[in-house]
Amino acid sequence: MPNQPKTPLHALRIPTPLWLAAKSRAHSEQFTLAEVIRTFLRAYVAGGITPYVTRTGRVLTDADISALADQAEQGYDADQLQLDRERNELLGRLIPPVRIDEEL
């Protein structure tokens, strides 16, 4: 069959604004969106792209990153950050870490 696709189709759920923005940029750079997606997937599989992960191992979602960006745009009080850091260090010395089995 001459018009048979060479690769299978896969369905993804992507928010419409993101899809349209990506499609627009790909078009302006003379790529298809499929080419862009395949390129990113290859880079991800090769280890060149990793999700945002905190020191505790929590993977940040798009909503988390957006909330952090909103917070950053509001600005920070450097004195308050220092006080928070000192308080956390003090608590860390006073309260020993405890691990609890997930079964409990």
PDB file of N, CA and C in Angstrom:
ATOM      1  N   MET A   1       0.849  -1.170   0.000  1.00  0.00           N
ATOM      2  CA  MET A   1       0.000   0.000   0.000  1.00  0.00           C
ATOM      3  C   MET A   1       0.900   1.241   0.000  1.00  0.00           C
ATOM      4  N   PRO A   2       0.906   2.066  -1.042  1.00  0.00           N
ATOM      5  CA  PRO A   2       1.863   3.169  -1.183  1.00  0.00           C
ATOM      6  C   PRO A   2       1.666   4.307  -0.184  1.00  0.00           C
ATOM      7  N   ASN A   3       0.453   4.571   0.284  1.00  0.00           N
ATOM      8  CA  ASN A   3       0.214   5.696   1.191  1.00  0.00           C
ATOM      9  C   ASN A   3       0.163   5.292   2.658  1.00  0.00           C
ATOM     10  N   GLN A   4       0.569   4.074   2.954  1.00  0.00           N
ATOM     11  CA  GLN A   4       0.517   3.602   4.333  1.00  0.00           C
ATOM     12  C   GLN A   4       1.578   4.335   5.166  1.00  0.00           C
ATOM     13  N   PRO A   5       1.170   4.854   6.358  1.00  0.00           N
ATOM     14  CA  PRO A   5       2.152   5.539   7.210  1.00  0.00           C
ATOM     15  C   PRO A   5       3.268   4.592   7.640  1.00  0.00           C
ATOM     16  N   LYS A   6       4.452   5.148   7.814  1.00  0.00           N
ATOM     17  CA  LYS A   6       5.594   4.334   8.203  1.00  0.00           C
ATOM     18  C   LYS A   6       5.646   4.120   9.713  1.00  0.00           C
ATOM     19  N   THR A   7       5.040   4.997  10.470  1.00  0.00           N
ATOM     20  CA  THR A   7       5.042   4.857  11.929  1.00  0.00           C
ATOM     21  C   THR A   7       3.604   4.888  12.431  1.00  0.00           C
ATOM     22  N   PRO A   8       3.336   4.230  13.569  1.00  0.00           N
ATOM     23  CA  PRO A   8       1.968   4.239  14.104  1.00  0.00           C
ATOM     24  C   PRO A   8       1.594   5.596  14.695  1.00  0.00           C
ATOM     25  N   LEU A   9       0.304   5.852  14.755  1.00  0.00           N
ATOM     26  CA  LEU A   9      -0.201   7.076  15.380  1.00  0.00           C
ATOM     27  C   LEU A   9      -0.360   6.848  16.882  1.00  0.00           C
ATOM     28  N   HIS A  10      -0.089   7.898  17.667  1.00  0.00           N
ATOM     29  CA  HIS A  10      -0.254   7.841  19.122  1.00  0.00           C
ATOM     30  C   HIS A  10      -1.004   9.090  19.555  1.00  0.00           C
ATOM     31  N   ALA A  11      -1.920   8.930  20.492  1.00  0.00           N
ATOM     32  CA  ALA A  11      -2.717  10.057  20.969  1.00  0.00           C
ATOM     33  C   ALA A  11      -2.078  10.658  22.219  1.00  0.00           C
ATOM     34  N   LEU A  12      -2.090  11.979  22.289  1.00  0.00           N
ATOM     35  CA  LEU A  12      -1.592  12.710  23.453  1.00  0.00           C
ATOM     36  C   LEU A  12      -2.621  13.745  23.864  1.00  0.00           C
ATOM     37  N   ARG A  13      -2.679  14.046  25.140  1.00  0.00           N
ATOM     38  CA  ARG A  13      -3.521  15.142  25.612  1.00  0.00           C
ATOM     39  C   ARG A  13      -2.611  16.328  25.878  1.00  0.00           C
ATOM     40  N   ILE A  14      -2.798  17.385  25.109  1.00  0.00           N
ATOM     41  CA  ILE A  14      -1.987  18.595  25.223  1.00  0.00           C
ATOM     42  C   ILE A  14      -2.936  19.785  25.239  1.00  0.00           C
ATOM     43  N   PRO A  15      -2.776  20.712  26.196  1.00  0.00           N
ATOM     44  CA  PRO A  15      -3.658  21.878  26.230  1.00  0.00           C
ATOM     45  C   PRO A  15      -3.612  22.650  24.902  1.00  0.00           C
ATOM     46  N   THR A  16      -4.760  23.084  24.449  1.00  0.00           N
ATOM     47  CA  THR A  16      -4.858  23.759  23.151  1.00  0.00           C
ATOM     48  C   THR A  16      -3.929  24.957  23.023  1.00  0.00           C
ATOM     49  N   PRO A  17      -3.831  25.856  24.026  1.00  0.00           N
ATOM     50  CA  PRO A  17      -2.919  26.997  23.865  1.00  0.00           C
ATOM     51  C   PRO A  17      -1.462  26.570  23.648  1.00  0.00           C
ATOM     52  N   LEU A  18      -1.030  25.532  24.368  1.00  0.00           N
ATOM     53  CA  LEU A  18       0.334  25.030  24.191  1.00  0.00           C
ATOM     54  C   LEU A  18       0.506  24.438  22.798  1.00  0.00           C
ATOM     55  N   TRP A  19      -0.475  23.652  22.357  1.00  0.00           N
ATOM     56  CA  TRP A  19      -0.417  23.035  21.031  1.00  0.00           C
ATOM     57  C   TRP A  19      -0.311  24.098  19.937  1.00  0.00           C
ATOM     58  N   LEU A  20      -1.165  25.118  20.021  1.00  0.00           N
ATOM     59  CA  LEU A  20      -1.177  26.157  18.992  1.00  0.00           C
ATOM     60  C   LEU A  20       0.113  26.973  18.995  1.00  0.00           C
ATOM     61  N   ALA A  21       0.624  27.276  20.183  1.00  0.00           N
ATOM     62  CA  ALA A  21       1.876  28.035  20.269  1.00  0.00           C
ATOM     63  C   ALA A  21       3.033  27.227  19.691  1.00  0.00           C
ATOM     64  N   ALA A  22       3.087  25.942  20.023  1.00  0.00           N
ATOM     65  CA  ALA A  22       4.145  25.079  19.506  1.00  0.00           C
ATOM     66  C   ALA A  22       4.024  24.932  17.990  1.00  0.00           C
ATOM     67  N   LYS A  23       2.802  24.760  17.515  1.00  0.00           N
ATOM     68  CA  LYS A  23       2.572  24.614  16.075  1.00  0.00           C
ATOM     69  C   LYS A  23       2.987  25.883  15.334  1.00  0.00           C
ATOM     70  N   SER A  24       2.663  27.031  15.907  1.00  0.00           N
ATOM     71  CA  SER A  24       3.013  28.305  15.293  1.00  0.00           C
ATOM     72  C   SER A  24       4.535  28.476  15.218  1.00  0.00           C
ATOM     73  N   ARG A  25       5.209  28.177  16.327  1.00  0.00           N
ATOM     74  CA  ARG A  25       6.667  28.327  16.323  1.00  0.00           C
ATOM     75  C   ARG A  25       7.307  27.348  15.346  1.00  0.00           C
ATOM     76  N   ALA A  26       6.846  26.108  15.366  1.00  0.00           N
ATOM     77  CA  ALA A  26       7.399  25.111  14.441  1.00  0.00           C
ATOM     78  C   ALA A  26       7.224  25.578  12.995  1.00  0.00           C
ATOM     79  N   HIS A  27       6.037  26.073  12.678  1.00  0.00           N
ATOM     80  CA  HIS A  27       5.769  26.556  11.318  1.00  0.00           C
ATOM     81  C   HIS A  27       6.698  27.720  10.961  1.00  0.00           C
ATOM     82  N   SER A  28       6.901  28.647  11.913  1.00  0.00           N
ATOM     83  CA  SER A  28       7.756  29.806  11.632  1.00  0.00           C
ATOM     84  C   SER A  28       9.208  29.391  11.417  1.00  0.00           C
ATOM     85  N   GLU A  29       9.599  28.244  11.985  1.00  0.00           N
ATOM     86  CA  GLU A  29      10.962  27.742  11.812  1.00  0.00           C
ATOM     87  C   GLU A  29      11.039  26.663  10.732  1.00  0.00           C
ATOM     88  N   GLN A  30       9.960  26.520   9.999  1.00  0.00           N
ATOM     89  CA  GLN A  30       9.860  25.587   8.868  1.00  0.00           C
ATOM     90  C   GLN A  30      10.050  24.120   9.287  1.00  0.00           C
ATOM     91  N   PHE A  31       9.417  23.776  10.407  1.00  0.00           N
ATOM     92  CA  PHE A  31       9.356  22.393  10.865  1.00  0.00           C
ATOM     93  C   PHE A  31       7.895  22.005  10.977  1.00  0.00           C
ATOM     94  N   THR A  32       7.636  20.706  10.949  1.00  0.00           N
ATOM     95  CA  THR A  32       6.305  20.251  11.320  1.00  0.00           C
ATOM     96  C   THR A  32       6.325  20.022  12.827  1.00  0.00           C
ATOM     97  N   LEU A  33       5.165  20.073  13.442  1.00  0.00           N
ATOM     98  CA  LEU A  33       5.099  19.825  14.877  1.00  0.00           C
ATOM     99  C   LEU A  33       5.520  18.389  15.189  1.00  0.00           C
ATOM    100  N   ALA A  34       5.215  17.467  14.296  1.00  0.00           N
ATOM    101  CA  ALA A  34       5.634  16.077  14.487  1.00  0.00           C
ATOM    102  C   ALA A  34       7.160  15.974  14.538  1.00  0.00           C
ATOM    103  N   GLU A  35       7.856  16.719  13.679  1.00  0.00           N
ATOM    104  CA  GLU A  35       9.324  16.705  13.695  1.00  0.00           C
ATOM    105  C   GLU A  35       9.859  17.231  15.030  1.00  0.00           C
ATOM    106  N   VAL A  36       9.239  18.303  15.517  1.00  0.00           N
ATOM    107  CA  VAL A  36       9.665  18.895  16.792  1.00  0.00           C
ATOM    108  C   VAL A  36       9.463  17.893  17.926  1.00  0.00           C
ATOM    109  N   ILE A  37       8.298  17.267  17.962  1.00  0.00           N
ATOM    110  CA  ILE A  37       7.992  16.307  19.032  1.00  0.00           C
ATOM    111  C   ILE A  37       8.951  15.124  18.978  1.00  0.00           C
ATOM    112  N   ARG A  38       9.202  14.590  17.791  1.00  0.00           N
ATOM    113  CA  ARG A  38      10.140  13.468  17.667  1.00  0.00           C
ATOM    114  C   ARG A  38      11.540  13.870  18.128  1.00  0.00           C
ATOM    115  N   THR A  39      11.964  15.101  17.788  1.00  0.00           N
ATOM    116  CA  THR A  39      13.286  15.587  18.198  1.00  0.00           C
ATOM    117  C   THR A  39      13.387  15.647  19.719  1.00  0.00           C
ATOM    118  N   PHE A  40      12.352  16.201  20.369  1.00  0.00           N
ATOM    119  CA  PHE A  40      12.367  16.286  21.829  1.00  0.00           C
ATOM    120  C   PHE A  40      12.316  14.901  22.473  1.00  0.00           C
ATOM    121  N   LEU A  41      11.534  13.996  21.914  1.00  0.00           N
ATOM    122  CA  LEU A  41      11.463  12.648  22.466  1.00  0.00           C
ATOM    123  C   LEU A  41      12.807  11.935  22.354  1.00  0.00           C
ATOM    124  N   ARG A  42      13.482  12.098  21.219  1.00  0.00           N
ATOM    125  CA  ARG A  42      14.810  11.487  21.072  1.00  0.00           C
ATOM    126  C   ARG A  42      15.780  12.045  22.111  1.00  0.00           C
ATOM    127  N   ALA A  43      15.749  13.368  22.301  1.00  0.00           N
ATOM    128  CA  ALA A  43      16.631  13.996  23.297  1.00  0.00           C
ATOM    129  C   ALA A  43      16.295  13.515  24.703  1.00  0.00           C
ATOM    130  N   TYR A  44      15.014  13.367  24.996  1.00  0.00           N
ATOM    131  CA  TYR A  44      14.586  12.900  26.316  1.00  0.00           C
ATOM    132  C   TYR A  44      15.080  11.480  26.564  1.00  0.00           C
ATOM    133  N   VAL A  45      14.895  10.606  25.587  1.00  0.00           N
ATOM    134  CA  VAL A  45      15.315   9.209  25.724  1.00  0.00           C
ATOM    135  C   VAL A  45      16.836   9.124  25.877  1.00  0.00           C
ATOM    136  N   ALA A  46      17.555   9.991  25.186  1.00  0.00           N
ATOM    137  CA  ALA A  46      19.019   9.991  25.265  1.00  0.00           C
ATOM    138  C   ALA A  46      19.534  10.607  26.566  1.00  0.00           C
ATOM    139  N   GLY A  47      18.646  11.190  27.350  1.00  0.00           N
ATOM    140  CA  GLY A  47      19.057  11.776  28.625  1.00  0.00           C
ATOM    141  C   GLY A  47      19.376  13.246  28.558  1.00  0.00           C
ATOM    142  N   GLY A  48      19.161  13.864  27.406  1.00  0.00           N
ATOM    143  CA  GLY A  48      19.468  15.287  27.248  1.00  0.00           C
ATOM    144  C   GLY A  48      18.413  16.212  27.836  1.00  0.00           C
ATOM    145  N   ILE A  49      17.229  15.698  28.079  1.00  0.00           N
ATOM    146  CA  ILE A  49      16.148  16.485  28.668  1.00  0.00           C
ATOM    147  C   ILE A  49      15.621  15.700  29.860  1.00  0.00           C
ATOM    148  N   THR A  50      15.555  16.353  31.004  1.00  0.00           N
ATOM    149  CA  THR A  50      15.011  15.701  32.186  1.00  0.00           C
ATOM    150  C   THR A  50      13.952  16.596  32.806  1.00  0.00           C
ATOM    151  N   PRO A  51      12.971  16.010  33.466  1.00  0.00           N
ATOM    152  CA  PRO A  51      11.968  16.820  34.151  1.00  0.00           C
ATOM    153  C   PRO A  51      12.626  17.604  35.287  1.00  0.00           C
ATOM    154  N   TYR A  52      11.969  18.662  35.708  1.00  0.00           N
ATOM    155  CA  TYR A  52      12.453  19.420  36.856  1.00  0.00           C
ATOM    156  C   TYR A  52      12.174  18.607  38.118  1.00  0.00           C
ATOM    157  N   VAL A  53      13.236  18.308  38.860  1.00  0.00           N
ATOM    158  CA  VAL A  53      13.119  17.493  40.059  1.00  0.00           C
ATOM    159  C   VAL A  53      13.754  18.249  41.229  1.00  0.00           C
ATOM    160  N   THR A  54      13.061  18.261  42.371  1.00  0.00           N
ATOM    161  CA  THR A  54      13.591  18.931  43.552  1.00  0.00           C
ATOM    162  C   THR A  54      14.640  18.054  44.222  1.00  0.00           C
ATOM    163  N   ARG A  55      15.330  18.606  45.213  1.00  0.00           N
ATOM    164  CA  ARG A  55      16.334  17.831  45.948  1.00  0.00           C
ATOM    165  C   ARG A  55      15.720  16.622  46.636  1.00  0.00           C
ATOM    166  N   THR A  56      14.431  16.709  46.959  1.00  0.00           N
ATOM    167  CA  THR A  56      13.769  15.585  47.630  1.00  0.00           C
ATOM    168  C   THR A  56      13.255  14.549  46.645  1.00  0.00           C
ATOM    169  N   GLY A  57      13.414  14.802  45.342  1.00  0.00           N
ATOM    170  CA  GLY A  57      12.987  13.842  44.339  1.00  0.00           C
ATOM    171  C   GLY A  57      11.597  14.090  43.781  1.00  0.00           C
ATOM    172  N   ARG A  58      10.951  15.169  44.216  1.00  0.00           N
ATOM    173  CA  ARG A  58       9.603  15.488  43.717  1.00  0.00           C
ATOM    174  C   ARG A  58       9.712  16.095  42.316  1.00  0.00           C
ATOM    175  N   VAL A  59       8.952  15.556  41.367  1.00  0.00           N
ATOM    176  CA  VAL A  59       8.930  16.089  40.007  1.00  0.00           C
ATOM    177  C   VAL A  59       7.959  17.259  39.972  1.00  0.00           C
ATOM    178  N   LEU A  60       8.449  18.415  39.506  1.00  0.00           N
ATOM    179  CA  LEU A  60       7.610  19.600  39.432  1.00  0.00           C
ATOM    180  C   LEU A  60       6.743  19.566  38.181  1.00  0.00           C
ATOM    181  N   THR A  61       5.467  19.855  38.367  1.00  0.00           N
ATOM    182  CA  THR A  61       4.541  19.914  37.238  1.00  0.00           C
ATOM    183  C   THR A  61       4.595  21.304  36.617  1.00  0.00           C
ATOM    184  N   ASP A  62       3.946  21.471  35.471  1.00  0.00           N
ATOM    185  CA  ASP A  62       3.846  22.795  34.853  1.00  0.00           C
ATOM    186  C   ASP A  62       3.177  23.778  35.799  1.00  0.00           C
ATOM    187  N   ALA A  63       2.168  23.314  36.543  1.00  0.00           N
ATOM    188  CA  ALA A  63       1.469  24.189  37.492  1.00  0.00           C
ATOM    189  C   ALA A  63       2.412  24.621  38.617  1.00  0.00           C
ATOM    190  N   ASP A  64       3.262  23.704  39.096  1.00  0.00           N
ATOM    191  CA  ASP A  64       4.236  24.047  40.135  1.00  0.00           C
ATOM    192  C   ASP A  64       5.199  25.126  39.636  1.00  0.00           C
ATOM    193  N   ILE A  65       5.699  24.933  38.431  1.00  0.00           N
ATOM    194  CA  ILE A  65       6.669  25.870  37.862  1.00  0.00           C
ATOM    195  C   ILE A  65       6.016  27.225  37.635  1.00  0.00           C
ATOM    196  N   SER A  66       4.780  27.219  37.172  1.00  0.00           N
ATOM    197  CA  SER A  66       4.051  28.474  36.982  1.00  0.00           C
ATOM    198  C   SER A  66       3.857  29.208  38.306  1.00  0.00           C
ATOM    199  N   ALA A  67       3.517  28.469  39.357  1.00  0.00           N
ATOM    200  CA  ALA A  67       3.331  29.077  40.672  1.00  0.00           C
ATOM    201  C   ALA A  67       4.645  29.656  41.199  1.00  0.00           C
ATOM    202  N   LEU A  68       5.741  28.950  40.986  1.00  0.00           N
ATOM    203  CA  LEU A  68       7.045  29.462  41.409  1.00  0.00           C
ATOM    204  C   LEU A  68       7.429  30.715  40.628  1.00  0.00           C
ATOM    205  N   ALA A  69       7.117  30.729  39.331  1.00  0.00           N
ATOM    206  CA  ALA A  69       7.404  31.911  38.512  1.00  0.00           C
ATOM    207  C   ALA A  69       6.579  33.110  38.987  1.00  0.00           C
ATOM    208  N   ASP A  70       5.306  32.869  39.301  1.00  0.00           N
ATOM    209  CA  ASP A  70       4.449  33.950  39.819  1.00  0.00           C
ATOM    210  C   ASP A  70       5.016  34.496  41.118  1.00  0.00           C
ATOM    211  N   GLN A  71       5.466  33.603  41.992  1.00  0.00           N
ATOM    212  CA  GLN A  71       6.038  34.016  43.268  1.00  0.00           C
ATOM    213  C   GLN A  71       7.312  34.830  43.037  1.00  0.00           C
ATOM    214  N   ALA A  72       8.144  34.399  42.108  1.00  0.00           N
ATOM    215  CA  ALA A  72       9.387  35.114  41.824  1.00  0.00           C
ATOM    216  C   ALA A  72       9.115  36.511  41.268  1.00  0.00           C
ATOM    217  N   GLU A  73       8.097  36.624  40.438  1.00  0.00           N
ATOM    218  CA  GLU A  73       7.769  37.925  39.852  1.00  0.00           C
ATOM    219  C   GLU A  73       7.279  38.917  40.908  1.00  0.00           C
ATOM    220  N   GLN A  74       6.711  38.399  41.993  1.00  0.00           N
ATOM    221  CA  GLN A  74       6.258  39.275  43.078  1.00  0.00           C
ATOM    222  C   GLN A  74       7.435  39.799  43.891  1.00  0.00           C
ATOM    223  N   GLY A  75       8.570  39.159  43.792  1.00  0.00           N
ATOM    224  CA  GLY A  75       9.753  39.588  44.515  1.00  0.00           C
ATOM    225  C   GLY A  75       9.887  38.869  45.847  1.00  0.00           C
ATOM    226  N   TYR A  76      11.074  38.954  46.411  1.00  0.00           N
ATOM    227  CA  TYR A  76      11.377  38.289  47.665  1.00  0.00           C
ATOM    228  C   TYR A  76      11.916  39.300  48.662  1.00  0.00           C
ATOM    229  N   ASP A  77      11.664  39.043  49.919  1.00  0.00           N
ATOM    230  CA  ASP A  77      12.235  39.819  51.002  1.00  0.00           C
ATOM    231  C   ASP A  77      13.475  39.060  51.473  1.00  0.00           C
ATOM    232  N   ALA A  78      14.659  39.576  51.149  1.00  0.00           N
ATOM    233  CA  ALA A  78      15.903  38.877  51.447  1.00  0.00           C
ATOM    234  C   ALA A  78      16.069  38.637  52.946  1.00  0.00           C
ATOM    235  N   ASP A  79      15.659  39.603  53.766  1.00  0.00           N
ATOM    236  CA  ASP A  79      15.775  39.425  55.218  1.00  0.00           C
ATOM    237  C   ASP A  79      14.899  38.276  55.699  1.00  0.00           C
ATOM    238  N   GLN A  80      13.680  38.177  55.155  1.00  0.00           N
ATOM    239  CA  GLN A  80      12.772  37.110  55.551  1.00  0.00           C
ATOM    240  C   GLN A  80      13.298  35.746  55.095  1.00  0.00           C
ATOM    241  N   LEU A  81      13.884  35.706  53.910  1.00  0.00           N
ATOM    242  CA  LEU A  81      14.469  34.453  53.431  1.00  0.00           C
ATOM    243  C   LEU A  81      15.589  33.992  54.355  1.00  0.00           C
ATOM    244  N   GLN A  82      16.424  34.928  54.803  1.00  0.00           N
ATOM    245  CA  GLN A  82      17.517  34.576  55.711  1.00  0.00           C
ATOM    246  C   GLN A  82      16.970  34.070  57.043  1.00  0.00           C
ATOM    247  N   LEU A  83      15.936  34.741  57.565  1.00  0.00           N
ATOM    248  CA  LEU A  83      15.320  34.300  58.822  1.00  0.00           C
ATOM    249  C   LEU A  83      14.730  32.898  58.675  1.00  0.00           C
ATOM    250  N   ASP A  84      14.055  32.648  57.551  1.00  0.00           N
ATOM    251  CA  ASP A  84      13.476  31.328  57.300  1.00  0.00           C
ATOM    252  C   ASP A  84      14.567  30.258  57.223  1.00  0.00           C
ATOM    253  N   ARG A  85      15.667  30.582  56.557  1.00  0.00           N
ATOM    254  CA  ARG A  85      16.770  29.631  56.415  1.00  0.00           C
ATOM    255  C   ARG A  85      17.369  29.313  57.788  1.00  0.00           C
ATOM    256  N   GLU A  86      17.589  30.358  58.593  1.00  0.00           N
ATOM    257  CA  GLU A  86      18.149  30.148  59.928  1.00  0.00           C
ATOM    258  C   GLU A  86      17.201  29.329  60.804  1.00  0.00           C
ATOM    259  N   ARG A  87      15.898  29.618  60.720  1.00  0.00           N
ATOM    260  CA  ARG A  87      14.911  28.861  61.494  1.00  0.00           C
ATOM    261  C   ARG A  87      14.917  27.395  61.082  1.00  0.00           C
ATOM    262  N   ASN A  88      14.953  27.134  59.772  1.00  0.00           N
ATOM    263  CA  ASN A  88      14.961  25.749  59.286  1.00  0.00           C
ATOM    264  C   ASN A  88      16.230  25.007  59.717  1.00  0.00           C
ATOM    265  N   GLU A  89      17.366  25.704  59.713  1.00  0.00           N
ATOM    266  CA  GLU A  89      18.610  25.070  60.156  1.00  0.00           C
ATOM    267  C   GLU A  89      18.534  24.733  61.635  1.00  0.00           C
ATOM    268  N   LEU A  90      17.987  25.651  62.429  1.00  0.00           N
ATOM    269  CA  LEU A  90      17.847  25.407  63.863  1.00  0.00           C
ATOM    270  C   LEU A  90      16.912  24.228  64.118  1.00  0.00           C
ATOM    271  N   LEU A  91      15.779  24.208  63.432  1.00  0.00           N
ATOM    272  CA  LEU A  91      14.844  23.093  63.601  1.00  0.00           C
ATOM    273  C   LEU A  91      15.474  21.782  63.174  1.00  0.00           C
ATOM    274  N   GLY A  92      16.271  21.826  62.134  1.00  0.00           N
ATOM    275  CA  GLY A  92      16.947  20.617  61.660  1.00  0.00           C
ATOM    276  C   GLY A  92      17.906  20.056  62.689  1.00  0.00           C
ATOM    277  N   ARG A  93      18.512  20.934  63.486  1.00  0.00           N
ATOM    278  CA  ARG A  93      19.426  20.471  64.540  1.00  0.00           C
ATOM    279  C   ARG A  93      18.657  19.990  65.762  1.00  0.00           C
ATOM    280  N   LEU A  94      17.496  20.584  66.024  1.00  0.00           N
ATOM    281  CA  LEU A  94      16.731  20.240  67.219  1.00  0.00           C
ATOM    282  C   LEU A  94      15.852  19.009  67.041  1.00  0.00           C
ATOM    283  N   ILE A  95      15.365  18.799  65.826  1.00  0.00           N
ATOM    284  CA  ILE A  95      14.430  17.706  65.563  1.00  0.00           C
ATOM    285  C   ILE A  95      15.124  16.689  64.661  1.00  0.00           C
ATOM    286  N   PRO A  96      15.402  15.509  65.198  1.00  0.00           N
ATOM    287  CA  PRO A  96      16.078  14.505  64.365  1.00  0.00           C
ATOM    288  C   PRO A  96      15.137  13.984  63.276  1.00  0.00           C
ATOM    289  N   PRO A  97      15.681  13.661  62.118  1.00  0.00           N
ATOM    290  CA  PRO A  97      14.838  13.107  61.057  1.00  0.00           C
ATOM    291  C   PRO A  97      14.349  11.705  61.431  1.00  0.00           C
ATOM    292  N   VAL A  98      13.117  11.409  61.066  1.00  0.00           N
ATOM    293  CA  VAL A  98      12.516  10.114  61.360  1.00  0.00           C
ATOM    294  C   VAL A  98      11.922   9.554  60.078  1.00  0.00           C
ATOM    295  N   ARG A  99      12.228   8.308  59.788  1.00  0.00           N
ATOM    296  CA  ARG A  99      11.637   7.658  58.619  1.00  0.00           C
ATOM    297  C   ARG A  99      10.528   6.737  59.085  1.00  0.00           C
ATOM    298  N   ILE A 100       9.401   6.820  58.418  1.00  0.00           N
ATOM    299  CA  ILE A 100       8.244   5.981  58.761  1.00  0.00           C
ATOM    300  C   ILE A 100       7.917   5.125  57.546  1.00  0.00           C
ATOM    301  N   ASP A 101       7.746   3.843  57.772  1.00  0.00           N
ATOM    302  CA  ASP A 101       7.387   2.938  56.686  1.00  0.00           C
ATOM    303  C   ASP A 101       6.086   3.389  56.041  1.00  0.00           C
ATOM    304  N   GLU A 102       6.018   3.268  54.726  1.00  0.00           N
ATOM    305  CA  GLU A 102       4.814   3.659  53.995  1.00  0.00           C
ATOM    306  C   GLU A 102       3.597   2.841  54.422  1.00  0.00           C
ATOM    307  N   GLU A 103       3.827   1.646  54.932  1.00  0.00           N
ATOM    308  CA  GLU A 103       2.724   0.776  55.335  1.00  0.00           C
ATOM    309  C   GLU A 103       1.966   1.325  56.533  1.00  0.00           C
ATOM    310  N   LEU A 104       2.627   2.183  57.315  1.00  0.00           N
ATOM    311  CA  LEU A 104       1.981   2.725  58.512  1.00  0.00           C
ATOM    312  C   LEU A 104       1.098   3.821  58.083  1.00  0.00           C
TER     313      LEU A 104
END
